[in-house]
N, C-alpha and C. Protein backbone atom coordinates (compact mmCIF):
# COMPACT_ATOMS: atom_id res chain seq x y z
N MET A 1 -9.01 -114.79 18.69
CA MET A 1 -7.57 -114.98 18.48
C MET A 1 -7.17 -114.47 17.09
N LYS A 2 -7.99 -114.82 16.10
CA LYS A 2 -7.68 -114.40 14.73
C LYS A 2 -7.72 -112.88 14.61
N THR A 3 -8.75 -112.26 15.25
CA THR A 3 -8.86 -110.81 15.19
C THR A 3 -7.68 -110.14 15.86
N PHE A 4 -7.28 -110.65 17.01
CA PHE A 4 -6.14 -110.08 17.74
C PHE A 4 -4.85 -110.21 16.92
N THR A 5 -4.65 -111.39 16.35
CA THR A 5 -3.43 -111.61 15.57
C THR A 5 -3.35 -110.68 14.39
N PHE A 6 -4.46 -110.56 13.67
CA PHE A 6 -4.49 -109.69 12.49
C PHE A 6 -4.27 -108.23 12.87
N SER A 7 -4.94 -107.77 13.93
CA SER A 7 -4.83 -106.38 14.36
C SER A 7 -3.42 -106.05 14.81
N PHE A 8 -2.79 -106.98 15.55
CA PHE A 8 -1.44 -106.76 16.06
C PHE A 8 -0.45 -106.60 14.92
N PHE A 9 -0.49 -107.51 13.97
CA PHE A 9 0.47 -107.45 12.88
C PHE A 9 0.14 -106.34 11.89
N TYR A 10 -1.12 -105.96 11.80
CA TYR A 10 -1.47 -104.85 10.93
C TYR A 10 -0.89 -103.54 11.46
N ILE A 11 -0.94 -103.36 12.79
CA ILE A 11 -0.35 -102.19 13.41
C ILE A 11 1.15 -102.16 13.15
N MET A 12 1.81 -103.29 13.26
CA MET A 12 3.24 -103.38 12.99
C MET A 12 3.53 -102.99 11.55
N LEU A 13 2.65 -103.42 10.65
CA LEU A 13 2.85 -103.16 9.24
C LEU A 13 2.80 -101.68 8.92
N MET A 14 1.96 -100.93 9.64
CA MET A 14 1.74 -99.52 9.34
C MET A 14 2.82 -98.61 9.91
N VAL A 15 3.73 -99.17 10.68
CA VAL A 15 4.79 -98.35 11.27
C VAL A 15 5.96 -98.24 10.29
N GLY A 16 6.30 -97.00 9.90
CA GLY A 16 7.40 -96.79 8.97
C GLY A 16 8.74 -96.98 9.65
N CYS A 17 9.77 -97.25 8.87
CA CYS A 17 11.11 -97.48 9.40
C CYS A 17 11.93 -96.20 9.35
N THR A 18 12.78 -96.02 10.35
CA THR A 18 13.65 -94.86 10.42
C THR A 18 15.08 -95.30 10.73
N SER A 19 16.03 -94.78 9.97
CA SER A 19 17.45 -95.03 10.22
C SER A 19 18.11 -93.70 10.57
N THR A 20 18.92 -93.69 11.62
CA THR A 20 19.60 -92.47 12.06
C THR A 20 21.10 -92.62 11.89
N TYR A 21 21.74 -91.63 11.27
CA TYR A 21 23.17 -91.66 11.02
C TYR A 21 23.83 -90.41 11.61
N THR A 22 25.08 -90.56 12.00
CA THR A 22 25.87 -89.43 12.46
C THR A 22 26.82 -89.00 11.35
N VAL A 23 26.88 -87.70 11.11
CA VAL A 23 27.76 -87.16 10.07
C VAL A 23 28.95 -86.49 10.76
N GLY A 24 30.15 -86.93 10.41
CA GLY A 24 31.34 -86.37 11.03
C GLY A 24 32.55 -86.50 10.14
N SER A 25 33.69 -86.11 10.66
CA SER A 25 34.92 -86.17 9.88
C SER A 25 35.46 -87.59 9.77
N LYS A 26 35.10 -88.43 10.75
CA LYS A 26 35.53 -89.82 10.72
C LYS A 26 34.30 -90.72 10.61
N VAL A 27 34.44 -91.79 9.85
CA VAL A 27 33.32 -92.69 9.60
C VAL A 27 33.46 -93.95 10.45
N ALA A 28 32.39 -94.31 11.11
CA ALA A 28 32.38 -95.54 11.92
C ALA A 28 31.03 -96.22 11.75
N GLY A 29 31.06 -97.50 11.41
CA GLY A 29 29.81 -98.25 11.25
C GLY A 29 28.98 -97.71 10.11
N ASN A 30 27.75 -97.31 10.42
CA ASN A 30 26.85 -96.81 9.39
C ASN A 30 26.88 -95.30 9.26
N ASP A 31 27.86 -94.64 9.89
CA ASP A 31 27.92 -93.18 9.83
C ASP A 31 28.45 -92.69 8.49
N TYR A 32 28.36 -91.38 8.28
CA TYR A 32 28.76 -90.75 7.02
C TYR A 32 29.77 -89.63 7.30
N ASP A 33 30.67 -89.40 6.35
CA ASP A 33 31.43 -88.16 6.40
C ASP A 33 30.76 -87.19 5.43
N ILE A 34 31.27 -85.95 5.35
CA ILE A 34 30.62 -84.92 4.54
C ILE A 34 30.53 -85.31 3.07
N VAL A 35 31.61 -85.87 2.53
CA VAL A 35 31.64 -86.25 1.11
C VAL A 35 30.59 -87.33 0.83
N GLN A 36 30.54 -88.34 1.70
CA GLN A 36 29.56 -89.41 1.51
C GLN A 36 28.14 -88.89 1.63
N LEU A 37 27.92 -87.95 2.56
CA LEU A 37 26.58 -87.38 2.73
C LEU A 37 26.15 -86.65 1.46
N ASN A 38 27.05 -85.86 0.89
CA ASN A 38 26.71 -85.13 -0.33
C ASN A 38 26.39 -86.07 -1.49
N MET A 39 27.12 -87.18 -1.58
CA MET A 39 26.85 -88.17 -2.62
C MET A 39 25.51 -88.84 -2.37
N ARG A 40 25.19 -89.09 -1.10
CA ARG A 40 23.94 -89.77 -0.76
C ARG A 40 22.73 -88.90 -1.09
N LEU A 41 22.84 -87.60 -0.86
CA LEU A 41 21.69 -86.70 -1.03
C LEU A 41 21.71 -85.93 -2.35
N GLU A 42 22.62 -86.28 -3.24
CA GLU A 42 22.74 -85.57 -4.51
C GLU A 42 21.44 -85.63 -5.31
N LYS A 43 20.93 -84.46 -5.70
CA LYS A 43 19.72 -84.32 -6.52
C LYS A 43 18.49 -84.95 -5.88
N LYS A 44 18.45 -85.00 -4.56
CA LYS A 44 17.30 -85.56 -3.85
C LYS A 44 16.59 -84.46 -3.06
N LYS A 45 15.29 -84.63 -2.91
CA LYS A 45 14.50 -83.69 -2.11
C LYS A 45 14.58 -84.12 -0.65
N CYS A 46 14.94 -83.18 0.22
CA CYS A 46 15.11 -83.47 1.64
C CYS A 46 14.37 -82.43 2.47
N THR A 47 14.35 -82.68 3.78
CA THR A 47 13.81 -81.71 4.73
C THR A 47 14.91 -81.31 5.70
N VAL A 48 15.17 -80.01 5.78
CA VAL A 48 16.15 -79.49 6.73
C VAL A 48 15.41 -79.09 8.00
N VAL A 49 15.87 -79.60 9.14
CA VAL A 49 15.26 -79.27 10.43
C VAL A 49 16.21 -78.34 11.18
N PHE A 50 15.74 -77.12 11.48
CA PHE A 50 16.56 -76.13 12.16
C PHE A 50 16.51 -76.34 13.67
N SER A 51 17.46 -75.73 14.36
CA SER A 51 17.51 -75.84 15.82
C SER A 51 16.30 -75.20 16.47
N THR A 52 15.62 -74.30 15.75
CA THR A 52 14.41 -73.66 16.26
C THR A 52 13.17 -74.56 16.14
N GLY A 53 13.33 -75.67 15.43
CA GLY A 53 12.20 -76.56 15.19
C GLY A 53 11.56 -76.35 13.83
N GLU A 54 11.93 -75.27 13.15
CA GLU A 54 11.41 -74.99 11.81
C GLU A 54 11.90 -76.05 10.82
N GLU A 55 11.05 -76.41 9.87
CA GLU A 55 11.40 -77.38 8.84
C GLU A 55 11.24 -76.74 7.46
N ARG A 56 12.15 -77.10 6.56
CA ARG A 56 12.07 -76.55 5.21
C ARG A 56 12.42 -77.64 4.20
N LYS A 57 11.56 -77.82 3.21
CA LYS A 57 11.81 -78.80 2.15
C LYS A 57 12.73 -78.17 1.11
N VAL A 58 13.81 -78.89 0.77
CA VAL A 58 14.81 -78.32 -0.12
C VAL A 58 15.25 -79.37 -1.14
N MET A 59 16.08 -78.96 -2.09
CA MET A 59 16.62 -79.88 -3.08
C MET A 59 18.07 -79.51 -3.37
N ASP A 60 18.83 -80.47 -3.95
CA ASP A 60 20.24 -80.24 -4.30
C ASP A 60 21.04 -79.73 -3.11
N ILE A 61 20.94 -80.43 -2.00
CA ILE A 61 21.60 -80.00 -0.77
C ILE A 61 23.09 -80.36 -0.80
N ILE A 62 23.93 -79.44 -0.33
CA ILE A 62 25.37 -79.66 -0.25
C ILE A 62 25.84 -79.22 1.13
N SER A 63 26.53 -80.11 1.83
CA SER A 63 27.02 -79.80 3.18
C SER A 63 28.53 -79.62 3.17
N SER A 64 29.00 -78.80 4.11
CA SER A 64 30.43 -78.65 4.35
C SER A 64 30.64 -78.68 5.86
N LYS A 65 31.86 -78.48 6.31
CA LYS A 65 32.14 -78.49 7.74
C LYS A 65 31.61 -77.24 8.44
N ASP A 66 31.24 -76.24 7.67
CA ASP A 66 30.80 -74.98 8.26
C ASP A 66 29.35 -74.61 7.94
N SER A 67 28.82 -75.12 6.84
CA SER A 67 27.49 -74.68 6.41
C SER A 67 26.77 -75.75 5.62
N VAL A 68 25.47 -75.50 5.42
CA VAL A 68 24.64 -76.35 4.57
C VAL A 68 24.00 -75.45 3.53
N THR A 69 24.12 -75.84 2.27
CA THR A 69 23.62 -75.03 1.16
C THR A 69 22.64 -75.86 0.34
N TRP A 70 21.61 -75.21 -0.15
CA TRP A 70 20.63 -75.92 -0.98
C TRP A 70 19.96 -74.95 -1.95
N ILE A 71 19.21 -75.52 -2.86
CA ILE A 71 18.42 -74.73 -3.80
C ILE A 71 16.96 -74.79 -3.36
N THR A 72 16.33 -73.65 -3.27
CA THR A 72 14.93 -73.60 -2.90
C THR A 72 14.14 -72.82 -3.95
N TYR A 73 12.90 -73.16 -4.12
CA TYR A 73 12.02 -72.51 -5.09
C TYR A 73 11.17 -71.52 -4.32
N ASP A 74 11.44 -70.22 -4.49
CA ASP A 74 10.80 -69.22 -3.66
C ASP A 74 10.22 -68.10 -4.52
N ARG A 75 9.27 -67.35 -3.93
CA ARG A 75 8.64 -66.25 -4.66
C ARG A 75 9.40 -64.95 -4.40
N ILE A 76 9.78 -64.28 -5.49
CA ILE A 76 10.50 -63.02 -5.43
C ILE A 76 9.51 -61.87 -5.66
N ASN A 77 9.54 -60.87 -4.78
CA ASN A 77 8.66 -59.71 -4.89
C ASN A 77 9.47 -58.47 -5.23
N VAL A 78 9.02 -57.71 -6.21
CA VAL A 78 9.67 -56.47 -6.61
C VAL A 78 8.61 -55.38 -6.71
N ALA A 79 8.96 -54.17 -6.26
CA ALA A 79 8.02 -53.04 -6.36
C ALA A 79 7.69 -52.78 -7.82
N ARG A 80 6.44 -52.54 -8.09
CA ARG A 80 6.01 -52.33 -9.48
C ARG A 80 6.66 -51.09 -10.09
N SER A 81 7.06 -50.16 -9.25
CA SER A 81 7.69 -48.94 -9.74
C SER A 81 9.04 -49.21 -10.39
N GLN A 82 9.64 -50.39 -10.09
CA GLN A 82 10.93 -50.75 -10.68
C GLN A 82 10.79 -51.42 -12.05
N ILE A 83 9.55 -51.78 -12.43
CA ILE A 83 9.30 -52.52 -13.67
C ILE A 83 8.86 -51.58 -14.78
N SER A 84 9.51 -51.71 -15.93
CA SER A 84 9.13 -50.90 -17.09
C SER A 84 7.98 -51.54 -17.86
N SER A 85 8.11 -52.84 -18.14
CA SER A 85 7.05 -53.55 -18.87
C SER A 85 7.21 -55.05 -18.70
N VAL A 86 6.18 -55.77 -19.11
CA VAL A 86 6.18 -57.24 -19.05
C VAL A 86 5.77 -57.76 -20.41
N GLN A 87 6.55 -58.70 -20.93
CA GLN A 87 6.25 -59.26 -22.25
C GLN A 87 5.92 -60.75 -22.11
N ARG A 88 4.78 -61.13 -22.63
CA ARG A 88 4.37 -62.52 -22.64
C ARG A 88 4.41 -63.02 -24.08
N PHE A 89 4.93 -64.22 -24.27
CA PHE A 89 5.03 -64.80 -25.61
C PHE A 89 4.06 -65.96 -25.74
N LYS A 90 3.23 -65.92 -26.76
CA LYS A 90 2.21 -66.93 -26.98
C LYS A 90 2.85 -68.30 -27.13
N GLY A 91 2.34 -69.27 -26.36
CA GLY A 91 2.85 -70.64 -26.45
C GLY A 91 4.06 -70.89 -25.57
N GLU A 92 4.60 -69.84 -24.93
CA GLU A 92 5.77 -70.00 -24.06
C GLU A 92 5.33 -69.94 -22.60
N SER A 93 5.98 -70.75 -21.74
CA SER A 93 5.63 -70.76 -20.32
C SER A 93 6.28 -69.62 -19.56
N GLU A 94 7.39 -69.07 -20.10
CA GLU A 94 8.10 -68.01 -19.41
C GLU A 94 7.64 -66.63 -19.88
N THR A 95 7.82 -65.66 -18.98
CA THR A 95 7.50 -64.27 -19.27
C THR A 95 8.75 -63.44 -19.06
N VAL A 96 8.93 -62.40 -19.87
CA VAL A 96 10.10 -61.54 -19.74
C VAL A 96 9.70 -60.26 -19.01
N VAL A 97 10.40 -59.99 -17.90
CA VAL A 97 10.19 -58.76 -17.14
C VAL A 97 11.30 -57.79 -17.51
N ILE A 98 10.91 -56.58 -17.89
CA ILE A 98 11.88 -55.56 -18.26
C ILE A 98 11.90 -54.48 -17.18
N PHE A 99 13.06 -54.32 -16.54
CA PHE A 99 13.21 -53.34 -15.48
C PHE A 99 13.49 -51.95 -16.09
N LYS A 100 13.23 -50.90 -15.32
CA LYS A 100 13.49 -49.53 -15.77
C LYS A 100 14.98 -49.29 -15.97
N SER A 101 15.82 -50.10 -15.31
CA SER A 101 17.27 -49.98 -15.47
C SER A 101 17.74 -50.55 -16.80
N GLY A 102 16.84 -51.23 -17.53
CA GLY A 102 17.20 -51.84 -18.79
C GLY A 102 17.46 -53.34 -18.68
N GLN A 103 17.58 -53.84 -17.48
CA GLN A 103 17.80 -55.27 -17.25
C GLN A 103 16.54 -56.05 -17.61
N THR A 104 16.73 -57.24 -18.17
CA THR A 104 15.60 -58.12 -18.48
C THR A 104 15.77 -59.44 -17.74
N LYS A 105 14.64 -60.08 -17.45
CA LYS A 105 14.69 -61.34 -16.72
C LYS A 105 13.53 -62.23 -17.15
N GLU A 106 13.84 -63.50 -17.49
CA GLU A 106 12.81 -64.47 -17.80
C GLU A 106 12.31 -65.10 -16.50
N VAL A 107 11.00 -65.10 -16.31
CA VAL A 107 10.43 -65.56 -15.04
C VAL A 107 9.29 -66.54 -15.29
N ASN A 108 8.92 -67.25 -14.23
CA ASN A 108 7.80 -68.19 -14.26
C ASN A 108 6.78 -67.80 -13.20
N GLU A 109 5.53 -68.17 -13.43
CA GLU A 109 4.43 -67.97 -12.47
C GLU A 109 4.35 -66.51 -12.03
N LEU A 110 4.30 -65.62 -13.00
CA LEU A 110 4.26 -64.18 -12.73
C LEU A 110 2.90 -63.76 -12.16
N ILE A 111 2.94 -62.94 -11.12
CA ILE A 111 1.73 -62.35 -10.54
C ILE A 111 1.92 -60.84 -10.46
N ILE A 112 1.02 -60.09 -11.07
CA ILE A 112 1.10 -58.63 -11.08
C ILE A 112 0.01 -58.07 -10.18
N LYS A 113 0.41 -57.25 -9.21
CA LYS A 113 -0.54 -56.58 -8.31
C LYS A 113 -0.42 -55.07 -8.51
N ASP A 114 -1.24 -54.32 -7.79
CA ASP A 114 -1.24 -52.87 -7.93
C ASP A 114 0.10 -52.26 -7.58
N ASP A 115 0.76 -52.79 -6.55
CA ASP A 115 2.00 -52.18 -6.08
C ASP A 115 3.23 -53.06 -6.21
N SER A 116 3.07 -54.30 -6.71
CA SER A 116 4.22 -55.21 -6.79
C SER A 116 4.08 -56.21 -7.92
N VAL A 117 5.21 -56.79 -8.28
CA VAL A 117 5.27 -57.87 -9.27
C VAL A 117 6.08 -59.00 -8.64
N SER A 118 5.59 -60.22 -8.74
CA SER A 118 6.30 -61.35 -8.12
C SER A 118 6.35 -62.53 -9.07
N TRP A 119 7.36 -63.39 -8.85
CA TRP A 119 7.52 -64.60 -9.64
C TRP A 119 8.27 -65.64 -8.82
N MET A 120 8.21 -66.88 -9.28
CA MET A 120 8.91 -67.97 -8.61
C MET A 120 10.30 -68.13 -9.22
N GLU A 121 11.29 -68.33 -8.33
CA GLU A 121 12.67 -68.40 -8.79
C GLU A 121 13.47 -69.37 -7.94
N LEU A 122 14.39 -70.09 -8.58
CA LEU A 122 15.29 -70.98 -7.85
C LEU A 122 16.39 -70.14 -7.20
N ILE A 123 16.56 -70.32 -5.89
CA ILE A 123 17.54 -69.53 -5.14
C ILE A 123 18.45 -70.47 -4.37
N ARG A 124 19.74 -70.20 -4.43
CA ARG A 124 20.70 -70.96 -3.62
C ARG A 124 20.80 -70.31 -2.25
N PHE A 125 20.51 -71.10 -1.23
CA PHE A 125 20.42 -70.59 0.14
C PHE A 125 21.43 -71.32 1.01
N SER A 126 22.13 -70.59 1.88
CA SER A 126 23.16 -71.20 2.73
C SER A 126 22.99 -70.74 4.17
N VAL A 127 23.13 -71.68 5.13
CA VAL A 127 23.04 -71.35 6.55
C VAL A 127 24.20 -72.02 7.29
N PRO A 128 24.63 -71.45 8.41
CA PRO A 128 25.69 -72.08 9.21
C PRO A 128 25.25 -73.45 9.71
N LEU A 129 26.17 -74.36 9.79
CA LEU A 129 25.86 -75.71 10.24
C LEU A 129 25.30 -75.74 11.66
N SER A 130 25.69 -74.76 12.47
CA SER A 130 25.24 -74.70 13.86
C SER A 130 23.74 -74.49 13.98
N ARG A 131 23.11 -74.02 12.91
CA ARG A 131 21.66 -73.78 12.95
C ARG A 131 20.86 -75.01 12.52
N ILE A 132 21.54 -76.05 12.06
CA ILE A 132 20.86 -77.24 11.55
C ILE A 132 20.90 -78.37 12.58
N THR A 133 19.74 -78.93 12.89
CA THR A 133 19.67 -80.08 13.79
C THR A 133 19.89 -81.38 13.03
N LYS A 134 19.20 -81.51 11.91
CA LYS A 134 19.34 -82.72 11.11
C LYS A 134 18.80 -82.50 9.72
N ILE A 135 19.15 -83.42 8.83
CA ILE A 135 18.62 -83.46 7.47
C ILE A 135 17.86 -84.77 7.32
N VAL A 136 16.64 -84.70 6.83
CA VAL A 136 15.78 -85.87 6.72
C VAL A 136 15.49 -86.17 5.25
N TYR A 137 15.74 -87.40 4.86
CA TYR A 137 15.45 -87.85 3.49
C TYR A 137 14.52 -89.06 3.57
N VAL A 138 13.40 -89.00 2.88
CA VAL A 138 12.45 -90.11 2.84
C VAL A 138 12.72 -90.93 1.59
N ASN A 139 13.22 -92.14 1.79
CA ASN A 139 13.61 -93.03 0.70
C ASN A 139 12.45 -93.98 0.38
N HIS A 140 11.73 -93.69 -0.70
CA HIS A 140 10.55 -94.50 -1.04
C HIS A 140 10.94 -95.83 -1.67
N THR A 141 12.07 -95.88 -2.35
CA THR A 141 12.54 -97.15 -2.92
C THR A 141 12.89 -98.13 -1.81
N GLN A 142 13.63 -97.65 -0.80
CA GLN A 142 13.96 -98.52 0.33
C GLN A 142 12.71 -98.90 1.10
N GLY A 143 11.73 -97.99 1.14
CA GLY A 143 10.46 -98.30 1.79
C GLY A 143 9.77 -99.47 1.11
N PHE A 144 9.82 -99.50 -0.22
CA PHE A 144 9.22 -100.62 -0.96
C PHE A 144 9.91 -101.93 -0.61
N LEU A 145 11.25 -101.91 -0.54
CA LEU A 145 12.00 -103.12 -0.19
C LEU A 145 11.72 -103.55 1.25
N ASP A 146 11.60 -102.56 2.14
CA ASP A 146 11.22 -102.88 3.53
C ASP A 146 9.85 -103.56 3.55
N GLY A 147 8.95 -103.06 2.71
CA GLY A 147 7.61 -103.63 2.66
C GLY A 147 7.59 -105.06 2.18
N LEU A 148 8.47 -105.38 1.24
CA LEU A 148 8.54 -106.76 0.75
C LEU A 148 8.94 -107.72 1.86
N SER A 149 10.00 -107.37 2.59
CA SER A 149 10.47 -108.26 3.66
C SER A 149 9.48 -108.30 4.82
N THR A 150 8.98 -107.14 5.21
CA THR A 150 8.02 -107.09 6.31
C THR A 150 6.73 -107.80 5.94
N GLY A 151 6.28 -107.59 4.70
CA GLY A 151 5.04 -108.24 4.26
C GLY A 151 5.16 -109.75 4.25
N ALA A 152 6.35 -110.25 3.84
CA ALA A 152 6.55 -111.70 3.83
C ALA A 152 6.49 -112.27 5.24
N ILE A 153 7.16 -111.59 6.18
CA ILE A 153 7.18 -112.08 7.57
C ILE A 153 5.81 -111.95 8.23
N VAL A 154 5.24 -110.74 8.15
CA VAL A 154 3.95 -110.50 8.80
C VAL A 154 2.85 -111.32 8.16
N GLY A 155 2.86 -111.38 6.82
CA GLY A 155 1.84 -112.18 6.13
C GLY A 155 1.96 -113.65 6.46
N GLY A 156 3.21 -114.15 6.52
CA GLY A 156 3.42 -115.56 6.85
C GLY A 156 3.00 -115.89 8.26
N VAL A 157 3.38 -115.04 9.22
CA VAL A 157 3.02 -115.29 10.62
C VAL A 157 1.51 -115.18 10.81
N THR A 158 0.89 -114.21 10.14
CA THR A 158 -0.57 -114.06 10.24
C THR A 158 -1.28 -115.30 9.69
N PHE A 159 -0.79 -115.79 8.55
CA PHE A 159 -1.37 -117.00 7.97
C PHE A 159 -1.25 -118.18 8.94
N LEU A 160 -0.06 -118.37 9.50
CA LEU A 160 0.15 -119.48 10.43
C LEU A 160 -0.70 -119.33 11.68
N GLY A 161 -0.86 -118.08 12.16
CA GLY A 161 -1.68 -117.86 13.35
C GLY A 161 -3.14 -118.18 13.12
N ILE A 162 -3.66 -117.75 11.98
CA ILE A 162 -5.07 -118.01 11.68
C ILE A 162 -5.31 -119.49 11.38
N PHE A 163 -4.43 -120.07 10.57
CA PHE A 163 -4.60 -121.48 10.21
C PHE A 163 -4.39 -122.38 11.42
N GLY A 164 -3.40 -122.03 12.27
CA GLY A 164 -3.14 -122.84 13.45
C GLY A 164 -4.28 -122.81 14.45
N SER A 165 -4.95 -121.67 14.56
CA SER A 165 -6.05 -121.56 15.53
C SER A 165 -7.33 -122.23 15.04
N SER A 166 -7.36 -122.68 13.79
CA SER A 166 -8.57 -123.31 13.24
C SER A 166 -8.49 -124.83 13.25
N GLN A 167 -7.44 -125.39 13.86
CA GLN A 167 -7.30 -126.84 13.90
C GLN A 167 -8.43 -127.47 14.72
N GLY A 168 -8.97 -128.54 14.24
CA GLY A 168 -10.06 -129.22 14.96
C GLY A 168 -10.70 -130.27 14.08
N ASN A 169 -11.26 -129.80 12.98
CA ASN A 169 -11.82 -130.74 12.02
C ASN A 169 -11.55 -130.22 10.61
N SER A 170 -11.88 -131.04 9.65
CA SER A 170 -11.55 -130.73 8.25
C SER A 170 -12.21 -129.44 7.78
N GLU A 171 -13.46 -129.22 8.16
CA GLU A 171 -14.18 -128.03 7.71
C GLU A 171 -13.55 -126.76 8.28
N GLN A 172 -13.21 -126.78 9.59
CA GLN A 172 -12.57 -125.62 10.21
C GLN A 172 -11.20 -125.35 9.62
N GLU A 173 -10.46 -126.42 9.36
CA GLU A 173 -9.13 -126.25 8.78
C GLU A 173 -9.20 -125.64 7.38
N LEU A 174 -10.20 -126.06 6.61
CA LEU A 174 -10.37 -125.52 5.26
C LEU A 174 -10.71 -124.04 5.30
N ILE A 175 -11.61 -123.68 6.24
CA ILE A 175 -11.98 -122.27 6.39
C ILE A 175 -10.76 -121.46 6.86
N GLY A 176 -10.03 -122.03 7.83
CA GLY A 176 -8.84 -121.34 8.35
C GLY A 176 -7.78 -121.18 7.28
N LEU A 177 -7.63 -122.19 6.41
CA LEU A 177 -6.67 -122.12 5.32
C LEU A 177 -7.03 -120.99 4.37
N GLY A 178 -8.30 -120.94 3.99
CA GLY A 178 -8.75 -119.90 3.06
C GLY A 178 -8.62 -118.51 3.67
N THR A 179 -9.04 -118.38 4.93
CA THR A 179 -8.96 -117.08 5.60
C THR A 179 -7.51 -116.63 5.76
N GLY A 180 -6.66 -117.58 6.15
CA GLY A 180 -5.25 -117.26 6.34
C GLY A 180 -4.59 -116.83 5.04
N LEU A 181 -4.93 -117.52 3.95
CA LEU A 181 -4.35 -117.16 2.65
C LEU A 181 -4.80 -115.78 2.20
N VAL A 182 -6.09 -115.47 2.41
CA VAL A 182 -6.62 -114.18 1.99
C VAL A 182 -5.98 -113.04 2.79
N ILE A 183 -5.99 -113.17 4.14
CA ILE A 183 -5.46 -112.10 4.98
C ILE A 183 -3.93 -112.01 4.87
N GLY A 184 -3.27 -113.16 4.99
CA GLY A 184 -1.81 -113.16 4.89
C GLY A 184 -1.34 -112.71 3.53
N GLY A 185 -2.03 -113.17 2.47
CA GLY A 185 -1.66 -112.76 1.12
C GLY A 185 -1.90 -111.28 0.89
N SER A 186 -2.98 -110.76 1.45
CA SER A 186 -3.28 -109.33 1.30
C SER A 186 -2.20 -108.48 1.96
N ILE A 187 -1.77 -108.90 3.15
CA ILE A 187 -0.70 -108.17 3.84
C ILE A 187 0.58 -108.20 3.01
N PHE A 188 0.90 -109.37 2.46
CA PHE A 188 2.12 -109.51 1.67
C PHE A 188 2.09 -108.63 0.42
N LEU A 189 0.92 -108.56 -0.24
CA LEU A 189 0.81 -107.80 -1.48
C LEU A 189 0.71 -106.29 -1.23
N LEU A 190 0.03 -105.91 -0.14
CA LEU A 190 -0.20 -104.49 0.11
C LEU A 190 0.95 -103.82 0.84
N SER A 191 1.71 -104.56 1.61
CA SER A 191 2.75 -103.94 2.43
C SER A 191 3.81 -103.20 1.62
N PRO A 192 4.29 -103.72 0.46
CA PRO A 192 5.27 -102.94 -0.31
C PRO A 192 4.69 -101.60 -0.78
N ILE A 193 3.41 -101.59 -1.14
CA ILE A 193 2.77 -100.35 -1.59
C ILE A 193 2.66 -99.36 -0.44
N VAL A 194 2.20 -99.87 0.72
CA VAL A 194 2.05 -99.00 1.90
C VAL A 194 3.40 -98.44 2.33
N TYR A 195 4.40 -99.30 2.40
CA TYR A 195 5.73 -98.87 2.83
C TYR A 195 6.37 -97.92 1.82
N ALA A 196 6.10 -98.13 0.54
CA ALA A 196 6.65 -97.23 -0.48
C ALA A 196 6.07 -95.83 -0.34
N ILE A 197 4.77 -95.75 -0.02
CA ILE A 197 4.12 -94.46 0.18
C ILE A 197 4.68 -93.78 1.43
N ILE A 198 4.78 -94.53 2.53
CA ILE A 198 5.31 -93.97 3.78
C ILE A 198 6.79 -93.65 3.63
N GLY A 199 7.53 -94.58 3.01
CA GLY A 199 8.96 -94.40 2.80
C GLY A 199 9.79 -94.79 4.00
N HIS A 200 11.06 -95.02 3.74
CA HIS A 200 12.03 -95.31 4.80
C HIS A 200 12.74 -94.00 5.13
N THR A 201 12.55 -93.50 6.34
CA THR A 201 13.10 -92.21 6.74
C THR A 201 14.56 -92.35 7.15
N GLU A 202 15.41 -91.54 6.53
CA GLU A 202 16.83 -91.51 6.88
C GLU A 202 17.14 -90.15 7.51
N GLU A 203 17.60 -90.17 8.76
CA GLU A 203 17.94 -88.94 9.47
C GLU A 203 19.46 -88.81 9.58
N PHE A 204 20.00 -87.69 9.15
CA PHE A 204 21.43 -87.43 9.20
C PHE A 204 21.68 -86.32 10.22
N ARG A 205 22.30 -86.68 11.33
CA ARG A 205 22.59 -85.73 12.41
C ARG A 205 24.09 -85.45 12.43
N PHE A 206 24.44 -84.18 12.55
CA PHE A 206 25.85 -83.80 12.53
C PHE A 206 26.49 -83.98 13.90
N GLN A 207 27.78 -84.27 13.89
CA GLN A 207 28.52 -84.43 15.13
C GLN A 207 28.39 -83.20 16.01
N THR A 208 28.29 -83.43 17.31
CA THR A 208 28.13 -82.32 18.25
C THR A 208 29.26 -81.31 18.13
N SER A 209 30.47 -81.79 17.81
CA SER A 209 31.62 -80.90 17.72
C SER A 209 31.44 -79.84 16.65
N TYR A 210 30.66 -80.16 15.58
CA TYR A 210 30.42 -79.18 14.53
C TYR A 210 29.63 -77.98 15.06
N HIS A 211 28.76 -78.22 16.03
CA HIS A 211 27.89 -77.17 16.54
C HIS A 211 28.57 -76.31 17.61
N LYS A 212 29.80 -76.65 17.94
CA LYS A 212 30.53 -75.87 18.96
C LYS A 212 31.45 -74.84 18.33
N LYS A 213 31.50 -74.85 16.99
CA LYS A 213 32.42 -73.92 16.32
C LYS A 213 31.86 -72.50 16.33
């Protein structure tokens, strides 16, 4: 009985929480409008899920009624024939690329190959809203709070289950008390950490009418 109780509640503990919201022009219940969505996801790292099933991790996402825009960190490739020279400064993380046109550019994570030069750059990327299925944000702070409440309930019920099943004599009750405190207390203490790592997943799905435009 004790093993079953512990296993059952442990499985419950390991399941992360997910909240799903609808984004539209009108707000009802827990739904969001575009302005509220932008405030909610401001300066947060999210995952954009496309209608093709492709997923892309992005940051600084901004939505409108027609499109979704974000900043992505991507590698830029340029033919080496377009580059005049590369200057590296001692003690500096950035490198200056000088083009044959006379243009200069400060870059990071420069890689020089026989036929190309590449670097990492922040790029603002925009796609039509019709191509987006949903935006997913994993809230680790809310996950920690979920873990506190879940850990208290699961740990308490586990303790009561173990201690209750040990009723009979003083020695069994003492063992059950100790076992219940150890297992129940461990669940209570570990659940906020586990839930914080997993996070509370928030899914923002756009109104179907947006995808008909």
